[in-house]
Amino acid sequence: MEDVTIWHNPRCSKSRASMEILRDRGVAPRVVEYLEAPPSAAEIREVLGMLGLSPRALMRTNEAEYSELGLDGVEDEAALIQAMVEHPILIQRPIVIRDGRAVIGRPPEEVVSLLE
């Protein structure tokens, strides 16, 4: 099987459940604890392309940082991506990447589609 990467937050139940699904299927993913090692703007853009999403659709709009930074009215996609680089808590989790495709593990069962 091709390499599988997960942008993982071990404190998140959805992220832990996605890891369990991967491991139950014999996948040993490359784990990126993105809160400790945030992705670059280029990496976020690449994942957005794989997901077919806009930057805002990748953001956790319910996080305090989202409101504190006043991101609700921001339309500039580069600014939204930069906010995710500087405040990775804003990135939806988990994100599982395989062979040029990606899914957000919400619900965790979504990751199965990458393994088929």
Foldseek 3Di string as FASTA:
>chain_A
DFAKEKQADVVDPQRVVLVVVCVVVVHDHHYHPCQVVPDDLVVVVLQCVQVVHQLQVQFPCVDPVNVVVVVPPDDDSSVSSVSCRVVVVGGQDMWMDGDSHIDHVVVSCVVVVVVD
